[in-house]
Amino acid sequence: MAIDVLIIGVAVRLLTRVAKVARSHRANQQADRQVRP
């Protein structure tokens, strides 16, 4: 039950956050590529 709460609360939040960070990281890489072809 305790781990279920963590999975539902923390894991969903963590996975969402990792996806956003990955997207931001990719955007920064693409911006760098555009600046220095």
Full PDB file with SEQRES, HELIX, SHEET, SSBOND, CRYST1, ORIGX, SCALE, CONECT and MASTER records, all heavy atoms in Angstrom:
SEQRES   1 A   37  MET ALA ILE ASP VAL LEU ILE ILE GLY VAL ALA VAL ARG          
SEQRES   2 A   37  LEU LEU THR ARG VAL ALA LYS VAL ALA ARG SER HIS ARG          
SEQRES   3 A   37  ALA ASN GLN GLN ALA ASP ARG GLN VAL ARG PRO                  
HELIX    1 AA1 ALA A    2  LEU A    6  1                                   5    
HELIX    2 AA2 ILE A    7  ALA A   11  3                                   5    
HELIX    3 AA3 VAL A   12  VAL A   35  1                                  24    
CRYST1    1.000    1.000    1.000  90.00  90.00  90.00 P 1           1          
ORIGX1      1.000000  0.000000  0.000000        0.00000                         
ORIGX2      0.000000  1.000000  0.000000        0.00000                         
ORIGX3      0.000000  0.000000  1.000000        0.00000                         
SCALE1      1.000000  0.000000  0.000000        0.00000                         
SCALE2      0.000000  1.000000  0.000000        0.00000                         
SCALE3      0.000000  0.000000  1.000000        0.00000                         
ATOM      1  N   MET A   1       0.836  -1.215   0.000  1.00  0.00           N  
ATOM      2  CA  MET A   1       0.000   0.000   0.000  1.00  0.00           C  
ATOM      3  C   MET A   1       0.864   1.256   0.000  1.00  0.00           C  
ATOM      4  O   MET A   1       0.593   2.197  -0.752  1.00  0.00           O  
ATOM      5  CB  MET A   1      -0.933   0.002   1.213  1.00  0.00           C  
ATOM      6  CG  MET A   1      -2.083  -0.946   1.101  1.00  0.00           C  
ATOM      7  SD  MET A   1      -3.240  -0.744   2.467  1.00  0.00           S  
ATOM      8  CE  MET A   1      -2.746  -2.073   3.525  1.00  0.00           C  
ATOM      9  N   ALA A   2       1.911   1.256   0.825  1.00  0.00           N  
ATOM     10  CA  ALA A   2       2.793   2.427   0.901  1.00  0.00           C  
ATOM     11  C   ALA A   2       3.511   2.644  -0.433  1.00  0.00           C  
ATOM     12  O   ALA A   2       3.593   3.774  -0.928  1.00  0.00           O  
ATOM     13  CB  ALA A   2       3.796   2.251   2.033  1.00  0.00           C  
ATOM     14  N   ILE A   3       4.007   1.565  -1.016  1.00  0.00           N  
ATOM     15  CA  ILE A   3       4.714   1.695  -2.289  1.00  0.00           C  
ATOM     16  C   ILE A   3       3.743   2.051  -3.406  1.00  0.00           C  
ATOM     17  O   ILE A   3       4.090   2.802  -4.327  1.00  0.00           O  
ATOM     18  CB  ILE A   3       5.533   0.424  -2.590  1.00  0.00           C  
ATOM     19  CG1 ILE A   3       6.633   0.279  -1.536  1.00  0.00           C  
ATOM     20  CG2 ILE A   3       6.141   0.472  -3.978  1.00  0.00           C  
ATOM     21  CD1 ILE A   3       7.393  -1.031  -1.585  1.00  0.00           C  
ATOM     22  N   ASP A   4       2.501   1.544  -3.335  1.00  0.00           N  
ATOM     23  CA  ASP A   4       1.479   1.925  -4.319  1.00  0.00           C  
ATOM     24  C   ASP A   4       1.277   3.437  -4.334  1.00  0.00           C  
ATOM     25  O   ASP A   4       1.185   4.056  -5.396  1.00  0.00           O  
ATOM     26  CB  ASP A   4       0.141   1.247  -4.018  1.00  0.00           C  
ATOM     27  CG  ASP A   4       0.133  -0.238  -4.337  1.00  0.00           C  
ATOM     28  OD1 ASP A   4       1.054  -0.718  -5.021  1.00  0.00           O  
ATOM     29  OD2 ASP A   4      -0.810  -0.919  -3.879  1.00  0.00           O  
ATOM     30  N   VAL A   5       1.205   4.028  -3.145  1.00  0.00           N  
ATOM     31  CA  VAL A   5       1.040   5.482  -3.052  1.00  0.00           C  
ATOM     32  C   VAL A   5       2.233   6.179  -3.702  1.00  0.00           C  
ATOM     33  O   VAL A   5       2.070   7.146  -4.453  1.00  0.00           O  
ATOM     34  CB  VAL A   5       0.865   5.930  -1.584  1.00  0.00           C  
ATOM     35  CG1 VAL A   5       0.946   7.431  -1.445  1.00  0.00           C  
ATOM     36  CG2 VAL A   5      -0.454   5.406  -1.031  1.00  0.00           C  
ATOM     37  N   LEU A   6       3.433   5.658  -3.443  1.00  0.00           N  
ATOM     38  CA  LEU A   6       4.626   6.240  -4.059  1.00  0.00           C  
ATOM     39  C   LEU A   6       4.590   6.090  -5.575  1.00  0.00           C  
ATOM     40  O   LEU A   6       4.915   7.028  -6.302  1.00  0.00           O  
ATOM     41  CB  LEU A   6       5.890   5.581  -3.508  1.00  0.00           C  
ATOM     42  CG  LEU A   6       6.255   5.919  -2.077  1.00  0.00           C  
ATOM     43  CD1 LEU A   6       7.442   5.087  -1.622  1.00  0.00           C  
ATOM     44  CD2 LEU A   6       6.545   7.403  -1.931  1.00  0.00           C  
ATOM     45  N   ILE A   7       4.196   4.915  -6.032  1.00  0.00           N  
ATOM     46  CA  ILE A   7       4.150   4.691  -7.481  1.00  0.00           C  
ATOM     47  C   ILE A   7       3.136   5.635  -8.119  1.00  0.00           C  
ATOM     48  O   ILE A   7       3.432   6.282  -9.119  1.00  0.00           O  
ATOM     49  CB  ILE A   7       3.785   3.226  -7.802  1.00  0.00           C  
ATOM     50  CG1 ILE A   7       4.966   2.334  -7.486  1.00  0.00           C  
ATOM     51  CG2 ILE A   7       3.378   3.072  -9.261  1.00  0.00           C  
ATOM     52  CD1 ILE A   7       4.668   0.859  -7.643  1.00  0.00           C  
ATOM     53  N   ILE A   8       1.968   5.693  -7.538  1.00  0.00           N  
ATOM     54  CA  ILE A   8       0.924   6.524  -8.127  1.00  0.00           C  
ATOM     55  C   ILE A   8       1.299   7.995  -8.067  1.00  0.00           C  
ATOM     56  O   ILE A   8       1.184   8.716  -9.057  1.00  0.00           O  
ATOM     57  CB  ILE A   8      -0.432   6.262  -7.442  1.00  0.00           C  
ATOM     58  CG1 ILE A   8      -0.909   4.847  -7.785  1.00  0.00           C  
ATOM     59  CG2 ILE A   8      -1.469   7.287  -7.866  1.00  0.00           C  
ATOM     60  CD1 ILE A   8      -2.072   4.363  -6.946  1.00  0.00           C  
ATOM     61  N   GLY A   9       1.777   8.443  -6.925  1.00  0.00           N  
ATOM     62  CA  GLY A   9       2.118   9.857  -6.775  1.00  0.00           C  
ATOM     63  C   GLY A   9       3.458  10.235  -7.349  1.00  0.00           C  
ATOM     64  O   GLY A   9       3.565  11.037  -8.274  1.00  0.00           O  
ATOM     65  N   VAL A  10       4.499   9.648  -6.818  1.00  0.00           N  
ATOM     66  CA  VAL A  10       5.855  10.032  -7.172  1.00  0.00           C  
ATOM     67  C   VAL A  10       6.241   9.551  -8.570  1.00  0.00           C  
ATOM     68  O   VAL A  10       6.810  10.314  -9.352  1.00  0.00           O  
ATOM     69  CB  VAL A  10       6.858   9.518  -6.118  1.00  0.00           C  
ATOM     70  CG1 VAL A  10       8.279   9.798  -6.531  1.00  0.00           C  
ATOM     71  CG2 VAL A  10       6.559  10.138  -4.763  1.00  0.00           C  
ATOM     72  N   ALA A  11       5.943   8.302  -8.892  1.00  0.00           N  
ATOM     73  CA  ALA A  11       6.370   7.769 -10.190  1.00  0.00           C  
ATOM     74  C   ALA A  11       5.720   8.516 -11.344  1.00  0.00           C  
ATOM     75  O   ALA A  11       6.390   8.847 -12.324  1.00  0.00           O  
ATOM     76  CB  ALA A  11       6.078   6.279 -10.284  1.00  0.00           C  
ATOM     77  N   VAL A  12       4.446   8.793 -11.230  1.00  0.00           N  
ATOM     78  CA  VAL A  12       3.779   9.542 -12.297  1.00  0.00           C  
ATOM     79  C   VAL A  12       4.428  10.919 -12.439  1.00  0.00           C  
ATOM     80  O   VAL A  12       4.755  11.362 -13.543  1.00  0.00           O  
ATOM     81  CB  VAL A  12       2.261   9.665 -12.031  1.00  0.00           C  
ATOM     82  CG1 VAL A  12       1.624  10.643 -12.974  1.00  0.00           C  
ATOM     83  CG2 VAL A  12       1.593   8.303 -12.131  1.00  0.00           C  
ATOM     84  N   ARG A  13       4.652  11.577 -11.329  1.00  0.00           N  
ATOM     85  CA  ARG A  13       5.286  12.898 -11.355  1.00  0.00           C  
ATOM     86  C   ARG A  13       6.713  12.820 -11.891  1.00  0.00           C  
ATOM     87  O   ARG A  13       7.136  13.628 -12.720  1.00  0.00           O  
ATOM     88  CB  ARG A  13       5.271  13.492  -9.947  1.00  0.00           C  
ATOM     89  CG  ARG A  13       5.935  14.825  -9.828  1.00  0.00           C  
ATOM     90  CD  ARG A  13       5.105  15.894 -10.486  1.00  0.00           C  
ATOM     91  NE  ARG A  13       5.737  17.182 -10.272  1.00  0.00           N  
ATOM     92  CZ  ARG A  13       5.893  18.078 -11.209  1.00  0.00           C  
ATOM     93  NH1 ARG A  13       5.404  17.874 -12.405  1.00  0.00           N  
ATOM     94  NH2 ARG A  13       6.486  19.210 -10.960  1.00  0.00           N  
ATOM     95  N   LEU A  14       7.458  11.817 -11.432  1.00  0.00           N  
ATOM     96  CA  LEU A  14       8.841  11.660 -11.853  1.00  0.00           C  
ATOM     97  C   LEU A  14       8.937  11.365 -13.343  1.00  0.00           C  
ATOM     98  O   LEU A  14       9.730  11.983 -14.059  1.00  0.00           O  
ATOM     99  CB  LEU A  14       9.509  10.538 -11.057  1.00  0.00           C  
ATOM    100  CG  LEU A  14      10.945  10.200 -11.423  1.00  0.00           C  
ATOM    101  CD1 LEU A  14      11.860  11.378 -11.131  1.00  0.00           C  
ATOM    102  CD2 LEU A  14      11.401   8.970 -10.662  1.00  0.00           C  
ATOM    103  N   LEU A  15       8.121  10.441 -13.819  1.00  0.00           N  
ATOM    104  CA  LEU A  15       8.169  10.096 -15.236  1.00  0.00           C  
ATOM    105  C   LEU A  15       7.764  11.281 -16.107  1.00  0.00           C  
ATOM    106  O   LEU A  15       8.359  11.530 -17.155  1.00  0.00           O  
ATOM    107  CB  LEU A  15       7.280   8.889 -15.518  1.00  0.00           C  
ATOM    108  CG  LEU A  15       7.735   7.579 -14.873  1.00  0.00           C  
ATOM    109  CD1 LEU A  15       6.704   6.493 -15.100  1.00  0.00           C  
ATOM    110  CD2 LEU A  15       9.094   7.154 -15.376  1.00  0.00           C  
ATOM    111  N   THR A  16       6.781  12.032 -15.651  1.00  0.00           N  
ATOM    112  CA  THR A  16       6.373  13.228 -16.384  1.00  0.00           C  
ATOM    113  C   THR A  16       7.506  14.248 -16.401  1.00  0.00           C  
ATOM    114  O   THR A  16       7.800  14.849 -17.433  1.00  0.00           O  
ATOM    115  CB  THR A  16       5.117  13.843 -15.736  1.00  0.00           C  
ATOM    116  OG1 THR A  16       4.099  12.852 -15.687  1.00  0.00           O  
ATOM    117  CG2 THR A  16       4.627  15.044 -16.506  1.00  0.00           C  
ATOM    118  N   ARG A  17       8.153  14.422 -15.272  1.00  0.00           N  
ATOM    119  CA  ARG A  17       9.256  15.379 -15.175  1.00  0.00           C  
ATOM    120  C   ARG A  17      10.434  14.956 -16.052  1.00  0.00           C  
ATOM    121  O   ARG A  17      11.024  15.783 -16.739  1.00  0.00           O  
ATOM    122  CB  ARG A  17       9.699  15.505 -13.710  1.00  0.00           C  
ATOM    123  CG  ARG A  17      10.822  16.465 -13.490  1.00  0.00           C  
ATOM    124  CD  ARG A  17      10.376  17.892 -13.736  1.00  0.00           C  
ATOM    125  NE  ARG A  17      11.510  18.763 -13.563  1.00  0.00           N  
ATOM    126  CZ  ARG A  17      11.815  19.757 -14.369  1.00  0.00           C  
ATOM    127  NH1 ARG A  17      11.022  20.052 -15.368  1.00  0.00           N  
ATOM    128  NH2 ARG A  17      12.873  20.480 -14.160  1.00  0.00           N  
ATOM    129  N   VAL A  18      10.763  13.672 -16.049  1.00  0.00           N  
ATOM    130  CA  VAL A  18      11.865  13.187 -16.880  1.00  0.00           C  
ATOM    131  C   VAL A  18      11.553  13.431 -18.350  1.00  0.00           C  
ATOM    132  O   VAL A  18      12.419  13.848 -19.121  1.00  0.00           O  
ATOM    133  CB  VAL A  18      12.149  11.693 -16.601  1.00  0.00           C  
ATOM    134  CG1 VAL A  18      13.083  11.111 -17.640  1.00  0.00           C  
ATOM    135  CG2 VAL A  18      12.745  11.524 -15.221  1.00  0.00           C  
ATOM    136  N   ALA A  19      10.315  13.197 -18.743  1.00  0.00           N  
ATOM    137  CA  ALA A  19       9.930  13.444 -20.138  1.00  0.00           C  
ATOM    138  C   ALA A  19      10.088  14.919 -20.483  1.00  0.00           C  
ATOM    139  O   ALA A  19      10.592  15.269 -21.562  1.00  0.00           O  
ATOM    140  CB  ALA A  19       8.493  12.984 -20.380  1.00  0.00           C  
ATOM    141  N   LYS A  20       9.697  15.818 -19.582  1.00  0.00           N  
ATOM    142  CA  LYS A  20       9.841  17.254 -19.840  1.00  0.00           C  
ATOM    143  C   LYS A  20      11.303  17.663 -19.901  1.00  0.00           C  
ATOM    144  O   LYS A  20      11.703  18.464 -20.745  1.00  0.00           O  
ATOM    145  CB  LYS A  20       9.111  18.058 -18.761  1.00  0.00           C  
ATOM    146  CG  LYS A  20       7.609  18.000 -18.903  1.00  0.00           C  
ATOM    147  CD  LYS A  20       6.919  18.798 -17.814  1.00  0.00           C  
ATOM    148  CE  LYS A  20       5.412  18.672 -17.955  1.00  0.00           C  
ATOM    149  NZ  LYS A  20       4.699  19.356 -16.875  1.00  0.00           N  
ATOM    150  N   VAL A  21      12.125  17.117 -19.001  1.00  0.00           N  
ATOM    151  CA  VAL A  21      13.554  17.432 -19.012  1.00  0.00           C  
ATOM    152  C   VAL A  21      14.188  16.925 -20.301  1.00  0.00           C  
ATOM    153  O   VAL A  21      14.998  17.613 -20.919  1.00  0.00           O  
ATOM    154  CB  VAL A  21      14.259  16.837 -17.768  1.00  0.00           C  
ATOM    155  CG1 VAL A  21      15.767  16.889 -17.906  1.00  0.00           C  
ATOM    156  CG2 VAL A  21      13.817  17.567 -16.507  1.00  0.00           C  
ATOM    157  N   ALA A  22      13.805  15.724 -20.717  1.00  0.00           N  
ATOM    158  CA  ALA A  22      14.341  15.175 -21.971  1.00  0.00           C  
ATOM    159  C   ALA A  22      13.959  16.062 -23.149  1.00  0.00           C  
ATOM    160  O   ALA A  22      14.766  16.337 -24.033  1.00  0.00           O  
ATOM    161  CB  ALA A  22      13.831  13.749 -22.181  1.00  0.00           C  
ATOM    162  N   ARG A  23      12.719  16.531 -23.160  1.00  0.00           N  
ATOM    163  CA  ARG A  23      12.266  17.410 -24.234  1.00  0.00           C  
ATOM    164  C   ARG A  23      13.063  18.726 -24.213  1.00  0.00           C  
ATOM    165  O   ARG A  23      13.511  19.204 -25.248  1.00  0.00           O  
ATOM    166  CB  ARG A  23      10.772  17.704 -24.086  1.00  0.00           C  
ATOM    167  CG  ARG A  23      10.270  18.605 -25.193  1.00  0.00           C  
ATOM    168  CD  ARG A  23       8.795  18.605 -25.354  1.00  0.00           C  
ATOM    169  NE  ARG A  23       8.172  17.312 -25.476  1.00  0.00           N  
ATOM    170  CZ  ARG A  23       8.281  16.497 -26.520  1.00  0.00           C  
ATOM    171  NH1 ARG A  23       9.039  16.836 -27.533  1.00  0.00           N  
ATOM    172  NH2 ARG A  23       7.648  15.357 -26.552  1.00  0.00           N  
ATOM    173  N   SER A  24      13.251  19.281 -23.048  1.00  0.00           N  
ATOM    174  CA  SER A  24      14.014  20.524 -22.917  1.00  0.00           C  
ATOM    175  C   SER A  24      15.468  20.318 -23.344  1.00  0.00           C  
ATOM    176  O   SER A  24      16.053  21.155 -24.038  1.00  0.00           O  
ATOM    177  CB  SER A  24      13.945  21.009 -21.467  1.00  0.00           C  
ATOM    178  OG  SER A  24      14.780  22.112 -21.280  1.00  0.00           O  
ATOM    179  N   HIS A  25      16.035  19.191 -22.925  1.00  0.00           N  
ATOM    180  CA  HIS A  25      17.411  18.868 -23.291  1.00  0.00           C  
ATOM    181  C   HIS A  25      17.555  18.780 -24.810  1.00  0.00           C  
ATOM    182  O   HIS A  25      18.493  19.303 -25.398  1.00  0.00           O  
ATOM    183  CB  HIS A  25      17.812  17.548 -22.622  1.00  0.00           C  
ATOM    184  CG  HIS A  25      19.191  17.092 -22.936  1.00  0.00           C  
ATOM    185  ND1 HIS A  25      20.313  17.730 -22.448  1.00  0.00           N  
ATOM    186  CD2 HIS A  25      19.639  16.056 -23.691  1.00  0.00           C  
ATOM    187  CE1 HIS A  25      21.388  17.123 -22.894  1.00  0.00           C  
ATOM    188  NE2 HIS A  25      21.005  16.091 -23.644  1.00  0.00           N  
ATOM    189  N   ARG A  26      16.589  18.123 -25.462  1.00  0.00           N  
ATOM    190  CA  ARG A  26      16.600  18.011 -26.920  1.00  0.00           C  
ATOM    191  C   ARG A  26      16.469  19.375 -27.581  1.00  0.00           C  
ATOM    192  O   ARG A  26      17.127  19.654 -28.572  1.00  0.00           O  
ATOM    193  CB  ARG A  26      15.476  17.114 -27.385  1.00  0.00           C  
ATOM    194  CG  ARG A  26      16.014  15.798 -27.743  1.00  0.00           C  
ATOM    195  CD  ARG A  26      15.134  14.982 -28.585  1.00  0.00           C  
ATOM    196  NE  ARG A  26      15.433  13.602 -28.349  1.00  0.00           N  
ATOM    197  CZ  ARG A  26      15.477  13.001 -27.193  1.00  0.00           C  
ATOM    198  NH1 ARG A  26      15.230  13.653 -26.118  1.00  0.00           N  
ATOM    199  NH2 ARG A  26      15.778  11.739 -27.078  1.00  0.00           N  
ATOM    200  N   ALA A  27      15.612  20.201 -27.042  1.00  0.00           N  
ATOM    201  CA  ALA A  27      15.427  21.538 -27.615  1.00  0.00           C  
ATOM    202  C   ALA A  27      16.730  22.327 -27.520  1.00  0.00           C  
ATOM    203  O   ALA A  27      17.102  23.035 -28.457  1.00  0.00           O  
ATOM    204  CB  ALA A  27      14.294  22.257 -26.902  1.00  0.00           C  
ATOM    205  N   ASN A  28      17.423  22.207 -26.385  1.00  0.00           N  
ATOM    206  CA  ASN A  28      18.705  22.902 -26.224  1.00  0.00           C  
ATOM    207  C   ASN A  28      19.745  22.371 -27.211  1.00  0.00           C  
ATOM    208  O   ASN A  28      20.505  23.147 -27.788  1.00  0.00           O  
ATOM    209  CB  ASN A  28      19.222  22.758 -24.796  1.00  0.00           C  
ATOM    210  CG  ASN A  28      18.394  23.544 -23.801  1.00  0.00           C  
ATOM    211  OD1 ASN A  28      17.681  24.477 -24.173  1.00  0.00           O  
ATOM    212  ND2 ASN A  28      18.454  23.153 -22.547  1.00  0.00           N  
ATOM    213  N   GLN A  29      19.768  21.053 -27.414  1.00  0.00           N  
ATOM    214  CA  GLN A  29      20.701  20.475 -28.379  1.00  0.00           C  
ATOM    215  C   GLN A  29      20.400  20.976 -29.788  1.00  0.00           C  
ATOM    216  O   GLN A  29      21.310  21.291 -30.553  1.00  0.00           O  
ATOM    217  CB  GLN A  29      20.616  18.949 -28.353  1.00  0.00           C  
ATOM    218  CG  GLN A  29      21.271  18.318 -27.166  1.00  0.00           C  
ATOM    219  CD  GLN A  29      21.119  16.798 -27.197  1.00  0.00           C  
ATOM    220  OE1 GLN A  29      20.167  16.270 -27.762  1.00  0.00           O  
ATOM    221  NE2 GLN A  29      22.078  16.114 -26.581  1.00  0.00           N  
ATOM    222  N   GLN A  30      19.129  21.056 -30.124  1.00  0.00           N  
ATOM    223  CA  GLN A  30      18.746  21.517 -31.459  1.00  0.00           C  
ATOM    224  C   GLN A  30      19.088  22.987 -31.639  1.00  0.00           C  
ATOM    225  O   GLN A  30      19.538  23.401 -32.707  1.00  0.00           O  
ATOM    226  CB  GLN A  30      17.265  21.263 -31.689  1.00  0.00           C  
ATOM    227  CG  GLN A  30      16.965  19.792 -31.805  1.00  0.00           C  
ATOM    228  CD  GLN A  30      15.498  19.485 -31.677  1.00  0.00           C  
ATOM    229  OE1 GLN A  30      14.683  20.384 -31.545  1.00  0.00           O  
ATOM    230  NE2 GLN A  30      15.158  18.213 -31.696  1.00  0.00           N  
ATOM    231  N   ALA A  31      18.909  23.764 -30.580  1.00  0.00           N  
ATOM    232  CA  ALA A  31      19.270  25.184 -30.659  1.00  0.00           C  
ATOM    233  C   ALA A  31      20.773  25.328 -30.861  1.00  0.00           C  
ATOM    234  O   ALA A  31      21.226  26.172 -31.644  1.00  0.00           O  
ATOM    235  CB  ALA A  31      18.813  25.907 -29.393  1.00  0.00           C  
ATOM    236  N   ASP A  32      21.554  24.490 -30.183  1.00  0.00           N  
ATOM    237  CA  ASP A  32      23.002  24.522 -30.351  1.00  0.00           C  
ATOM    238  C   ASP A  32      23.396  24.151 -31.777  1.00  0.00           C  
ATOM    239  O   ASP A  32      24.298  24.755 -32.349  1.00  0.00           O  
ATOM    240  CB  ASP A  32      23.687  23.569 -29.363  1.00  0.00           C  
ATOM    241  CG  ASP A  32      23.663  24.088 -27.945  1.00  0.00           C  
ATOM    242  OD1 ASP A  32      23.336  25.277 -27.735  1.00  0.00           O  
ATOM    243  OD2 ASP A  32      23.939  23.288 -27.018  1.00  0.00           O  
ATOM    244  N   ARG A  33      22.723  23.174 -32.359  1.00  0.00           N  
ATOM    245  CA  ARG A  33      23.020  22.756 -33.735  1.00  0.00           C  
ATOM    246  C   ARG A  33      22.709  23.870 -34.715  1.00  0.00           C  
ATOM    247  O   ARG A  33      23.402  24.050 -35.701  1.00  0.00           O  
ATOM    248  CB  ARG A  33      22.229  21.516 -34.098  1.00  0.00           C  
ATOM    249  CG  ARG A  33      22.830  20.256 -33.579  1.00  0.00           C  
ATOM    250  CD  ARG A  33      22.132  19.052 -34.206  1.00  0.00           C  
ATOM    251  NE  ARG A  33      22.097  18.012 -33.212  1.00  0.00           N  
ATOM    252  CZ  ARG A  33      21.004  17.447 -32.718  1.00  0.00           C  
ATOM    253  NH1 ARG A  33      19.824  17.802 -33.164  1.00  0.00           N  
ATOM    254  NH2 ARG A  33      21.088  16.521 -31.815  1.00  0.00           N  
ATOM    255  N   GLN A  34      21.645  24.608 -34.450  1.00  0.00           N  
ATOM    256  CA  GLN A  34      21.258  25.685 -35.353  1.00  0.00           C  
ATOM    257  C   GLN A  34      22.210  26.861 -35.247  1.00  0.00           C  
ATOM    258  O   GLN A  34      22.490  27.532 -36.240  1.00  0.00           O  
ATOM    259  CB  GLN A  34      19.826  26.128 -35.071  1.00  0.00           C  
ATOM    260  CG  GLN A  34      18.815  25.083 -35.466  1.00  0.00           C  
ATOM    261  CD  GLN A  34      17.399  25.462 -35.057  1.00  0.00           C  
ATOM    262  OE1 GLN A  34      17.194  26.454 -34.373  1.00  0.00           O  
ATOM    263  NE2 GLN A  34      16.432  24.657 -35.469  1.00  0.00           N  
ATOM    264  N   VAL A  35      22.754  27.091 -34.044  1.00  0.00           N  
ATOM    265  CA  VAL A  35      23.695  28.191 -33.834  1.00  0.00           C  
ATOM    266  C   VAL A  35      25.029  27.874 -34.504  1.00  0.00           C  
ATOM    267  O   VAL A  35      25.633  28.706 -35.139  1.00  0.00           O  
ATOM    268  CB  VAL A  35      23.890  28.472 -32.327  1.00  0.00           C  
ATOM    269  CG1 VAL A  35      25.037  29.433 -32.078  1.00  0.00           C  
ATOM    270  CG2 VAL A  35      22.597  29.019 -31.734  1.00  0.00           C  
ATOM    271  N   ARG A  36      25.507  26.645 -34.347  1.00  0.00           N  
ATOM    272  CA  ARG A  36      26.788  26.242 -34.944  1.00  0.00           C  
ATOM    273  C   ARG A  36      26.528  25.103 -35.911  1.00  0.00           C  
ATOM    274  O   ARG A  36      26.592  23.938 -35.547  1.00  0.00           O  
ATOM    275  CB  ARG A  36      27.841  25.802 -33.943  1.00  0.00           C  
ATOM    276  CG  ARG A  36      27.485  25.739 -32.570  1.00  0.00           C  
ATOM    277  CD  ARG A  36      28.549  25.183 -31.646  1.00  0.00           C  
ATOM    278  NE  ARG A  36      27.812  24.339 -30.703  1.00  0.00           N  
ATOM    279  CZ  ARG A  36      27.925  23.049 -30.596  1.00  0.00           C  
ATOM    280  NH1 ARG A  36      28.776  22.405 -31.328  1.00  0.00           N  
ATOM    281  NH2 ARG A  36      27.206  22.366 -29.747  1.00  0.00           N  
ATOM    282  N   PRO A  37      26.234  25.426 -37.158  1.00  0.00           N  
ATOM    283  CA  PRO A  37      25.981  24.374 -38.158  1.00  0.00           C  
ATOM    284  C   PRO A  37      27.242  23.535 -38.378  1.00  0.00           C  
ATOM    285  O   PRO A  37      28.352  24.032 -38.310  1.00  0.00           O  
ATOM    286  CB  PRO A  37      25.593  25.116 -39.414  1.00  0.00           C  
ATOM    287  CG  PRO A  37      25.722  26.564 -39.134  1.00  0.00           C  
ATOM    288  CD  PRO A  37      26.127  26.744 -37.712  1.00  0.00           C  
TER     289      PRO A  37                                                      
MASTER        0    0    0    3    0    0    0    6  288    1    0    3          
END                                                                             
